[in-house]
Amino acid sequence: MAIFRKRRGTNETMKKGAKLITVADPQSVVSEQFRTIRTNINFMAVDHKINTLAFTSANVSEGKSTITANVAITYAQSGVKTLLIDGDLRRPTLHSTFNVRNNTGLTTVLTSEAKEINLQDVVEESGIENLSILTAGPIPPNPAELIGSQRMRTFIDLVKSHYDLVIIDLAPVLEVSDTQELASHLDGIVLVVRQGKTQKQAIARAVDMLEFAKVRILGYVMNDVSSENAGYGYGYGYGYGYGYGESEKKGFLSRFKR
């Protein structure tokens, strides 16, 4: 669900950036729901520490970039030193969200032949305490090869040593192949589902693909949920992660296969 309704399937977030309600109105009900998402993710980290976290969706225009940015902000606001990375190299939004240039970024890192990476050359301050950002950079001709490369995994290992938490906005699972490749090397992933837009079969297919890649699915965010009080709001529900049984897995899928 979008904080502010927009036409679905448009490039509005790419052009104008995501709505940062957690900055504009941190005491709002919606901001509190983002903090609830953060809390639920933390519960999943009791037995499996989470240093690298990604958000994705089945298809485009489901609100994942808005949710990713706002959840990252709630972590920073709680004192966690956070790096937010735009890993959607086809439809980048982070530079528009934080109103920064996008002439350098993740693609700069991944296409460089330098043996050592100076984070100060590519990482920018967001203007929010404890939150740094890495934009996507120029759109490359081969995003799948870059995101799925060994250099990307090496870079993730590097930034993990400099930040308490690394959050990545990844491309939709059913649109590209690189999301599965990278997600399998992360500590967890959250699937964004848009009520009234995402088809049940698409969600089930996305979960199957992530499972096949041995991705640790932490749960899902149900987006665009109707609310009697606010008109619309964010909702969060658990999927399943390592340690969950077959019944929990079936329970998650059954929400979308009825």
C-alpha atoms as a PDB file:
ATOM      1  CA  MET A   1       0.000   0.000   0.000  1.00  0.00           C
ATOM      2  CA  ALA A   2       1.295   3.405  -0.826  1.00  0.00           C
ATOM      3  CA  ILE A   3       1.246   6.054   1.860  1.00  0.00           C
ATOM      4  CA  PHE A   4      -0.264   8.390  -0.681  1.00  0.00           C
ATOM      5  CA  ARG A   5      -2.251   6.757  -3.410  1.00  0.00           C
ATOM      6  CA  LYS A   6      -0.818   6.964  -6.909  1.00  0.00           C
ATOM      7  CA  ARG A   7      -1.660   5.504 -10.266  1.00  0.00           C
ATOM      8  CA  ARG A   8      -0.514   1.926 -10.297  1.00  0.00           C
ATOM      9  CA  GLY A   9       2.041   0.740 -12.795  1.00  0.00           C
ATOM     10  CA  THR A  10       3.531   4.220 -13.302  1.00  0.00           C
ATOM     11  CA  ASN A  11       7.101   5.532 -12.954  1.00  0.00           C
ATOM     12  CA  GLU A  12       6.111   8.118 -10.368  1.00  0.00           C
ATOM     13  CA  THR A  13       8.438   6.807  -7.653  1.00  0.00           C
ATOM     14  CA  MET A  14      11.337   6.727 -10.115  1.00  0.00           C
ATOM     15  CA  LYS A  15      10.724  10.368 -11.012  1.00  0.00           C
ATOM     16  CA  LYS A  16       9.716  11.863  -7.655  1.00  0.00           C
ATOM     17  CA  GLY A  17      11.124   9.373  -5.172  1.00  0.00           C
ATOM     18  CA  ALA A  18       9.445   7.490  -2.355  1.00  0.00           C
ATOM     19  CA  LYS A  19       7.334   9.256   0.279  1.00  0.00           C
ATOM     20  CA  LEU A  20       9.323   9.384   3.531  1.00  0.00           C
ATOM     21  CA  ILE A  21       6.475   9.511   6.024  1.00  0.00           C
ATOM     22  CA  THR A  22       8.831   8.400   8.823  1.00  0.00           C
ATOM     23  CA  VAL A  23      10.671  11.709   8.375  1.00  0.00           C
ATOM     24  CA  ALA A  24       7.756  13.967   7.493  1.00  0.00           C
ATOM     25  CA  ASP A  25       5.509  12.723  10.310  1.00  0.00           C
ATOM     26  CA  PRO A  26       7.350  10.316  12.626  1.00  0.00           C
ATOM     27  CA  GLN A  27       4.487  10.270  15.137  1.00  0.00           C
ATOM     28  CA  SER A  28       1.854   9.205  12.606  1.00  0.00           C
ATOM     29  CA  VAL A  29       0.064   5.866  12.648  1.00  0.00           C
ATOM     30  CA  VAL A  30       1.763   4.836   9.415  1.00  0.00           C
ATOM     31  CA  SER A  31       5.216   5.640  10.824  1.00  0.00           C
ATOM     32  CA  GLU A  32       4.401   3.503  13.838  1.00  0.00           C
ATOM     33  CA  GLN A  33       3.501   0.644  11.510  1.00  0.00           C
ATOM     34  CA  PHE A  34       6.917   0.925   9.881  1.00  0.00           C
ATOM     35  CA  ARG A  35       8.454   0.651  13.328  1.00  0.00           C
ATOM     36  CA  THR A  36       6.334  -2.454  13.871  1.00  0.00           C
ATOM     37  CA  ILE A  37       7.828  -3.943  10.705  1.00  0.00           C
ATOM     38  CA  ARG A  38      11.282  -3.222  12.126  1.00  0.00           C
ATOM     39  CA  THR A  39      10.340  -4.871  15.414  1.00  0.00           C
ATOM     40  CA  ASN A  40       8.994  -7.980  13.693  1.00  0.00           C
ATOM     41  CA  ILE A  41      12.157  -8.297  11.625  1.00  0.00           C
ATOM     42  CA  ASN A  42      14.188  -8.033  14.820  1.00  0.00           C
ATOM     43  CA  PHE A  43      12.185 -10.889  16.315  1.00  0.00           C
ATOM     44  CA  MET A  44      13.318 -13.010  13.398  1.00  0.00           C
ATOM     45  CA  ALA A  45      16.934 -12.173  14.269  1.00  0.00           C
ATOM     46  CA  VAL A  46      16.851 -13.830  17.692  1.00  0.00           C
ATOM     47  CA  ASP A  47      18.447 -17.051  16.440  1.00  0.00           C
ATOM     48  CA  HIS A  48      19.817 -15.789  13.134  1.00  0.00           C
ATOM     49  CA  LYS A  49      21.582 -12.428  13.267  1.00  0.00           C
ATOM     50  CA  ILE A  50      20.584 -10.080  10.456  1.00  0.00           C
ATOM     51  CA  ASN A  51      23.317  -7.812   9.088  1.00  0.00           C
ATOM     52  CA  THR A  52      22.150  -7.822   5.467  1.00  0.00           C
ATOM     53  CA  LEU A  53      18.477  -7.431   4.619  1.00  0.00           C
ATOM     54  CA  ALA A  54      16.654  -6.955   1.319  1.00  0.00           C
ATOM     55  CA  PHE A  55      13.142  -6.050   0.221  1.00  0.00           C
ATOM     56  CA  THR A  56      11.658  -7.219  -3.054  1.00  0.00           C
ATOM     57  CA  SER A  57       8.284  -7.866  -4.670  1.00  0.00           C
ATOM     58  CA  ALA A  58       6.854 -10.174  -7.289  1.00  0.00           C
ATOM     59  CA  ASN A  59       6.320  -7.425  -9.879  1.00  0.00           C
ATOM     60  CA  VAL A  60       6.886  -3.688 -10.359  1.00  0.00           C
ATOM     61  CA  SER A  61       4.815  -0.901  -8.766  1.00  0.00           C
ATOM     62  CA  GLU A  62       4.020  -2.736  -5.551  1.00  0.00           C
ATOM     63  CA  GLY A  63       5.554  -0.156  -3.210  1.00  0.00           C
ATOM     64  CA  LYS A  64       8.776  -1.941  -2.280  1.00  0.00           C
ATOM     65  CA  SER A  65      11.013   1.131  -2.634  1.00  0.00           C
ATOM     66  CA  THR A  66       8.780   3.214  -0.368  1.00  0.00           C
ATOM     67  CA  ILE A  67       8.705   0.461   2.235  1.00  0.00           C
ATOM     68  CA  THR A  68      12.448  -0.197   1.987  1.00  0.00           C
ATOM     69  CA  ALA A  69      13.369   3.461   2.502  1.00  0.00           C
ATOM     70  CA  ASN A  70      10.996   3.995   5.413  1.00  0.00           C
ATOM     71  CA  VAL A  71      12.031   0.822   7.217  1.00  0.00           C
ATOM     72  CA  ALA A  72      15.693   1.811   6.792  1.00  0.00           C
ATOM     73  CA  ILE A  73      14.891   5.187   8.341  1.00  0.00           C
ATOM     74  CA  THR A  74      13.251   3.575  11.369  1.00  0.00           C
ATOM     75  CA  TYR A  75      16.390   1.528  11.967  1.00  0.00           C
ATOM     76  CA  ALA A  76      18.542   4.667  11.740  1.00  0.00           C
ATOM     77  CA  GLN A  77      16.181   6.524  14.068  1.00  0.00           C
ATOM     78  CA  SER A  78      16.611   3.729  16.622  1.00  0.00           C
ATOM     79  CA  GLY A  79      20.388   4.258  16.634  1.00  0.00           C
ATOM     80  CA  VAL A  80      21.389   1.507  14.184  1.00  0.00           C
ATOM     81  CA  LYS A  81      24.150   2.583  11.794  1.00  0.00           C
ATOM     82  CA  THR A  82      22.452   1.725   8.503  1.00  0.00           C
ATOM     83  CA  LEU A  83      23.449   1.687   4.831  1.00  0.00           C
ATOM     84  CA  LEU A  84      20.604   1.759   2.316  1.00  0.00           C
ATOM     85  CA  ILE A  85      21.552   0.493  -1.158  1.00  0.00           C
ATOM     86  CA  ASP A  86      19.555   0.872  -4.358  1.00  0.00           C
ATOM     87  CA  GLY A  87      20.002  -2.557  -5.920  1.00  0.00           C
ATOM     88  CA  ASP A  88      17.296  -2.111  -8.539  1.00  0.00           C
ATOM     89  CA  LEU A  89      19.582  -1.151 -11.410  1.00  0.00           C
ATOM     90  CA  ARG A  90      16.772  -1.067 -13.970  1.00  0.00           C
ATOM     91  CA  ARG A  91      14.318   1.190 -12.091  1.00  0.00           C
ATOM     92  CA  PRO A  92      16.392   3.118  -9.532  1.00  0.00           C
ATOM     93  CA  THR A  93      14.594   5.425  -7.086  1.00  0.00           C
ATOM     94  CA  LEU A  94      16.927   6.190  -4.195  1.00  0.00           C
ATOM     95  CA  HIS A  95      18.531   9.260  -5.759  1.00  0.00           C
ATOM     96  CA  SER A  96      15.095  10.790  -6.368  1.00  0.00           C
ATOM     97  CA  THR A  97      13.944   9.946  -2.853  1.00  0.00           C
ATOM     98  CA  PHE A  98      16.880  11.734  -1.219  1.00  0.00           C
ATOM     99  CA  ASN A  99      17.355  14.324  -3.969  1.00  0.00           C
ATOM    100  CA  VAL A 100      20.977  13.479  -4.746  1.00  0.00           C
ATOM    101  CA  ARG A 101      22.875  12.975  -7.979  1.00  0.00           C
ATOM    102  CA  ASN A 102      23.058   9.528  -9.517  1.00  0.00           C
ATOM    103  CA  ASN A 103      26.144   9.867 -11.697  1.00  0.00           C
ATOM    104  CA  THR A 104      28.039   7.486  -9.393  1.00  0.00           C
ATOM    105  CA  GLY A 105      26.745   4.641  -7.288  1.00  0.00           C
ATOM    106  CA  LEU A 106      26.538   0.860  -7.115  1.00  0.00           C
ATOM    107  CA  THR A 107      27.278   0.399 -10.815  1.00  0.00           C
ATOM    108  CA  THR A 108      30.418   2.496 -10.351  1.00  0.00           C
ATOM    109  CA  VAL A 109      31.604   0.039  -7.710  1.00  0.00           C
ATOM    110  CA  LEU A 110      30.710  -3.054  -9.698  1.00  0.00           C
ATOM    111  CA  THR A 111      32.260  -1.939 -12.977  1.00  0.00           C
ATOM    112  CA  SER A 112      35.444  -0.525 -11.459  1.00  0.00           C
ATOM    113  CA  GLU A 113      38.665  -2.454 -11.929  1.00  0.00           C
ATOM    114  CA  ALA A 114      40.142  -1.058  -8.726  1.00  0.00           C
ATOM    115  CA  LYS A 115      41.183  -3.734  -6.243  1.00  0.00           C
ATOM    116  CA  GLU A 116      40.171  -1.614  -3.259  1.00  0.00           C
ATOM    117  CA  ILE A 117      36.952   0.343  -2.841  1.00  0.00           C
ATOM    118  CA  ASN A 118      36.891   3.672  -1.046  1.00  0.00           C
ATOM    119  CA  LEU A 119      33.383   3.918   0.380  1.00  0.00           C
ATOM    120  CA  GLN A 120      33.700   7.680   0.773  1.00  0.00           C
ATOM    121  CA  ASP A 121      33.811   7.978  -3.010  1.00  0.00           C
ATOM    122  CA  VAL A 122      30.380   6.405  -3.520  1.00  0.00           C
ATOM    123  CA  VAL A 123      28.428   6.409  -0.247  1.00  0.00           C
ATOM    124  CA  GLU A 124      26.549   9.585   0.652  1.00  0.00           C
ATOM    125  CA  GLU A 125      24.975  10.911   3.823  1.00  0.00           C
ATOM    126  CA  SER A 126      21.204  10.991   3.674  1.00  0.00           C
ATOM    127  CA  GLY A 127      20.670  13.957   5.968  1.00  0.00           C
ATOM    128  CA  ILE A 128      19.230  11.560   8.539  1.00  0.00           C
ATOM    129  CA  GLU A 129      21.415  10.601  11.486  1.00  0.00           C
ATOM    130  CA  ASN A 130      22.825   7.053  11.249  1.00  0.00           C
ATOM    131  CA  LEU A 131      21.609   6.576   7.664  1.00  0.00           C
ATOM    132  CA  SER A 132      23.963   6.483   4.683  1.00  0.00           C
ATOM    133  CA  ILE A 133      22.853   5.790   1.130  1.00  0.00           C
ATOM    134  CA  LEU A 134      24.336   4.267  -1.998  1.00  0.00           C
ATOM    135  CA  THR A 135      22.414   5.093  -5.150  1.00  0.00           C
ATOM    136  CA  ALA A 136      22.240   2.751  -8.128  1.00  0.00           C
ATOM    137  CA  GLY A 137      24.420   4.879 -10.370  1.00  0.00           C
ATOM    138  CA  PRO A 138      24.083   4.976 -14.176  1.00  0.00           C
ATOM    139  CA  ILE A 139      21.792   2.253 -15.554  1.00  0.00           C
ATOM    140  CA  PRO A 140      24.069  -0.453 -17.018  1.00  0.00           C
ATOM    141  CA  PRO A 141      23.445  -2.683 -20.062  1.00  0.00           C
ATOM    142  CA  ASN A 142      24.027  -5.828 -17.963  1.00  0.00           C
ATOM    143  CA  PRO A 143      22.408  -5.388 -14.513  1.00  0.00           C
ATOM    144  CA  ALA A 144      21.892  -9.129 -13.961  1.00  0.00           C
ATOM    145  CA  GLU A 145      25.583  -9.873 -14.414  1.00  0.00           C
ATOM    146  CA  LEU A 146      26.556  -7.054 -12.050  1.00  0.00           C
ATOM    147  CA  ILE A 147      24.156  -7.858  -9.208  1.00  0.00           C
ATOM    148  CA  GLY A 148      24.920 -11.571  -9.423  1.00  0.00           C
ATOM    149  CA  SER A 149      28.684 -11.099  -9.617  1.00  0.00           C
ATOM    150  CA  GLN A 150      31.346 -12.133  -7.149  1.00  0.00           C
ATOM    151  CA  ARG A 151      32.341  -8.464  -6.898  1.00  0.00           C
ATOM    152  CA  MET A 152      28.855  -7.650  -5.590  1.00  0.00           C
ATOM    153  CA  ARG A 153      29.167 -10.307  -2.902  1.00  0.00           C
ATOM    154  CA  THR A 154      32.636  -9.031  -2.015  1.00  0.00           C
ATOM    155  CA  PHE A 155      31.259  -5.504  -1.760  1.00  0.00           C
ATOM    156  CA  ILE A 156      28.465  -6.655   0.559  1.00  0.00           C
ATOM    157  CA  ASP A 157      31.069  -8.290   2.789  1.00  0.00           C
ATOM    158  CA  LEU A 158      32.982  -5.002   2.837  1.00  0.00           C
ATOM    159  CA  VAL A 159      30.076  -2.777   3.832  1.00  0.00           C
ATOM    160  CA  LYS A 160      28.944  -5.272   6.492  1.00  0.00           C
ATOM    161  CA  SER A 161      32.132  -4.490   8.361  1.00  0.00           C
ATOM    162  CA  HIS A 162      31.363  -0.744   8.347  1.00  0.00           C
ATOM    163  CA  TYR A 163      27.650  -0.743   9.207  1.00  0.00           C
ATOM    164  CA  ASP A 164      25.391  -2.415  11.730  1.00  0.00           C
ATOM    165  CA  LEU A 165      22.811  -3.128   9.049  1.00  0.00           C
ATOM    166  CA  VAL A 166      22.841  -3.109   5.240  1.00  0.00           C
ATOM    167  CA  ILE A 167      19.412  -2.837   3.570  1.00  0.00           C
ATOM    168  CA  ILE A 168      19.018  -3.372  -0.169  1.00  0.00           C
ATOM    169  CA  ASP A 169      16.112  -2.464  -2.437  1.00  0.00           C
ATOM    170  CA  LEU A 170      16.150  -5.315  -4.964  1.00  0.00           C
ATOM    171  CA  ALA A 171      14.400  -5.649  -8.310  1.00  0.00           C
ATOM    172  CA  PRO A 172      11.150  -7.661  -8.477  1.00  0.00           C
ATOM    173  CA  VAL A 173      11.671 -11.416  -8.416  1.00  0.00           C
ATOM    174  CA  LEU A 174       9.532 -12.268 -11.428  1.00  0.00           C
ATOM    175  CA  GLU A 175      10.978  -9.494 -13.570  1.00  0.00           C
ATOM    176  CA  VAL A 176      14.671 -10.376 -13.338  1.00  0.00           C
ATOM    177  CA  SER A 177      17.019 -13.212 -12.420  1.00  0.00           C
ATOM    178  CA  ASP A 178      19.625 -11.314 -10.398  1.00  0.00           C
ATOM    179  CA  THR A 179      17.447 -10.879  -7.283  1.00  0.00           C
ATOM    180  CA  GLN A 180      17.502 -14.599  -6.545  1.00  0.00           C
ATOM    181  CA  GLU A 181      21.244 -14.753  -7.087  1.00  0.00           C
ATOM    182  CA  LEU A 182      22.075 -12.032  -4.588  1.00  0.00           C
ATOM    183  CA  ALA A 183      19.301 -12.754  -2.092  1.00  0.00           C
ATOM    184  CA  SER A 184      20.685 -16.216  -1.425  1.00  0.00           C
ATOM    185  CA  HIS A 185      23.814 -14.579   0.018  1.00  0.00           C
ATOM    186  CA  LEU A 186      21.928 -12.250   2.379  1.00  0.00           C
ATOM    187  CA  ASP A 187      20.707 -12.839   5.926  1.00  0.00           C
ATOM    188  CA  GLY A 188      17.070 -12.348   5.016  1.00  0.00           C
ATOM    189  CA  ILE A 189      14.550 -10.966   2.563  1.00  0.00           C
ATOM    190  CA  VAL A 190      11.077  -9.472   2.941  1.00  0.00           C
ATOM    191  CA  LEU A 191       8.489  -9.766   0.177  1.00  0.00           C
ATOM    192  CA  VAL A 192       6.230  -6.773  -0.518  1.00  0.00           C
ATOM    193  CA  VAL A 193       2.695  -7.678  -1.618  1.00  0.00           C
ATOM    194  CA  ARG A 194       0.217  -5.087  -2.847  1.00  0.00           C
ATOM    195  CA  GLN A 195      -3.380  -5.799  -1.960  1.00  0.00           C
ATOM    196  CA  GLY A 196      -5.666  -5.727  -4.947  1.00  0.00           C
ATOM    197  CA  LYS A 197      -2.770  -5.705  -7.421  1.00  0.00           C
ATOM    198  CA  THR A 198      -0.423  -8.629  -6.846  1.00  0.00           C
ATOM    199  CA  GLN A 199      -1.910 -11.851  -8.169  1.00  0.00           C
ATOM    200  CA  LYS A 200      -1.872 -14.821  -5.837  1.00  0.00           C
ATOM    201  CA  GLN A 201      -0.142 -16.988  -8.411  1.00  0.00           C
ATOM    202  CA  ALA A 202       2.586 -14.364  -8.829  1.00  0.00           C
ATOM    203  CA  ILE A 203       3.242 -14.346  -5.091  1.00  0.00           C
ATOM    204  CA  ALA A 204       3.337 -18.124  -4.923  1.00  0.00           C
ATOM    205  CA  ARG A 205       5.706 -18.216  -7.901  1.00  0.00           C
ATOM    206  CA  ALA A 206       7.961 -15.582  -6.312  1.00  0.00           C
ATOM    207  CA  VAL A 207       8.126 -17.564  -3.067  1.00  0.00           C
ATOM    208  CA  ASP A 208       8.908 -20.768  -4.982  1.00  0.00           C
ATOM    209  CA  MET A 209      11.744 -19.042  -6.839  1.00  0.00           C
ATOM    210  CA  LEU A 210      13.225 -17.607  -3.653  1.00  0.00           C
ATOM    211  CA  GLU A 211      12.925 -20.973  -1.942  1.00  0.00           C
ATOM    212  CA  PHE A 212      14.662 -22.689  -4.823  1.00  0.00           C
ATOM    213  CA  ALA A 213      17.565 -20.264  -4.396  1.00  0.00           C
ATOM    214  CA  LYS A 214      17.625 -21.117  -0.657  1.00  0.00           C
ATOM    215  CA  VAL A 215      16.726 -17.557   0.343  1.00  0.00           C
ATOM    216  CA  ARG A 216      15.755 -16.940   3.945  1.00  0.00           C
ATOM    217  CA  ILE A 217      12.305 -15.357   3.670  1.00  0.00           C
ATOM    218  CA  LEU A 218      11.592 -13.388   6.840  1.00  0.00           C
ATOM    219  CA  GLY A 219       8.020 -12.447   6.023  1.00  0.00           C
ATOM    220  CA  TYR A 220       5.914 -10.174   3.888  1.00  0.00           C
ATOM    221  CA  VAL A 221       4.544  -6.648   3.991  1.00  0.00           C
ATOM    222  CA  MET A 222       0.948  -6.370   2.843  1.00  0.00           C
ATOM    223  CA  ASN A 223       0.758  -3.032   1.079  1.00  0.00           C
ATOM    224  CA  ASP A 224      -2.270  -0.830   0.253  1.00  0.00           C
ATOM    225  CA  VAL A 225      -4.373  -2.346   3.013  1.00  0.00           C
ATOM    226  CA  SER A 226      -7.725  -0.642   3.618  1.00  0.00           C
ATOM    227  CA  SER A 227      -8.247   0.891   7.029  1.00  0.00           C
ATOM    228  CA  GLU A 228     -11.487   2.214   8.468  1.00  0.00           C
ATOM    229  CA  ASN A 229      -9.661   4.958  10.320  1.00  0.00           C
ATOM    230  CA  ALA A 230      -6.980   6.098   7.911  1.00  0.00           C
ATOM    231  CA  GLY A 231      -8.295   5.045   4.535  1.00  0.00           C
ATOM    232  CA  TYR A 232      -5.225   2.935   3.946  1.00  0.00           C
ATOM    233  CA  GLY A 233      -2.210   1.814   5.907  1.00  0.00           C
ATOM    234  CA  TYR A 234       0.640  -0.652   6.090  1.00  0.00           C
ATOM    235  CA  GLY A 235       0.248  -4.135   7.460  1.00  0.00           C
ATOM    236  CA  TYR A 236       2.893  -6.728   8.207  1.00  0.00           C
ATOM    237  CA  GLY A 237       2.574 -10.501   8.431  1.00  0.00           C
ATOM    238  CA  TYR A 238       5.059 -13.292   8.888  1.00  0.00           C
ATOM    239  CA  GLY A 239       5.992 -15.695   6.169  1.00  0.00           C
ATOM    240  CA  TYR A 240       8.478 -18.326   7.229  1.00  0.00           C
ATOM    241  CA  GLY A 241      12.192 -18.535   7.811  1.00  0.00           C
ATOM    242  CA  TYR A 242      14.734 -21.160   8.720  1.00  0.00           C
ATOM    243  CA  GLY A 243      13.476 -23.191  11.625  1.00  0.00           C
ATOM    244  CA  TYR A 244       9.854 -22.962  10.527  1.00  0.00           C
ATOM    245  CA  GLY A 245       8.034 -26.170   9.769  1.00  0.00           C
ATOM    246  CA  GLU A 246       6.161 -27.277   6.699  1.00  0.00           C
ATOM    247  CA  SER A 247       2.834 -26.273   8.257  1.00  0.00           C
ATOM    248  CA  GLU A 248       3.972 -22.638   8.649  1.00  0.00           C
ATOM    249  CA  LYS A 249       5.169 -22.614   5.059  1.00  0.00           C
ATOM    250  CA  LYS A 250       1.841 -23.948   3.826  1.00  0.00           C
ATOM    251  CA  GLY A 251       0.057 -21.392   5.990  1.00  0.00           C
ATOM    252  CA  PHE A 252       1.951 -18.581   4.314  1.00  0.00           C
ATOM    253  CA  LEU A 253       1.255 -19.856   0.814  1.00  0.00           C
ATOM    254  CA  SER A 254      -2.359 -20.640   1.604  1.00  0.00           C
ATOM    255  CA  ARG A 255      -3.046 -16.919   1.989  1.00  0.00           C
ATOM    256  CA  PHE A 256      -2.484 -16.568  -1.742  1.00  0.00           C
ATOM    257  CA  LYS A 257      -3.622 -19.935  -3.113  1.00  0.00           C
ATOM    258  CA  ARG A 258      -7.192 -19.986  -1.924  1.00  0.00           C
END
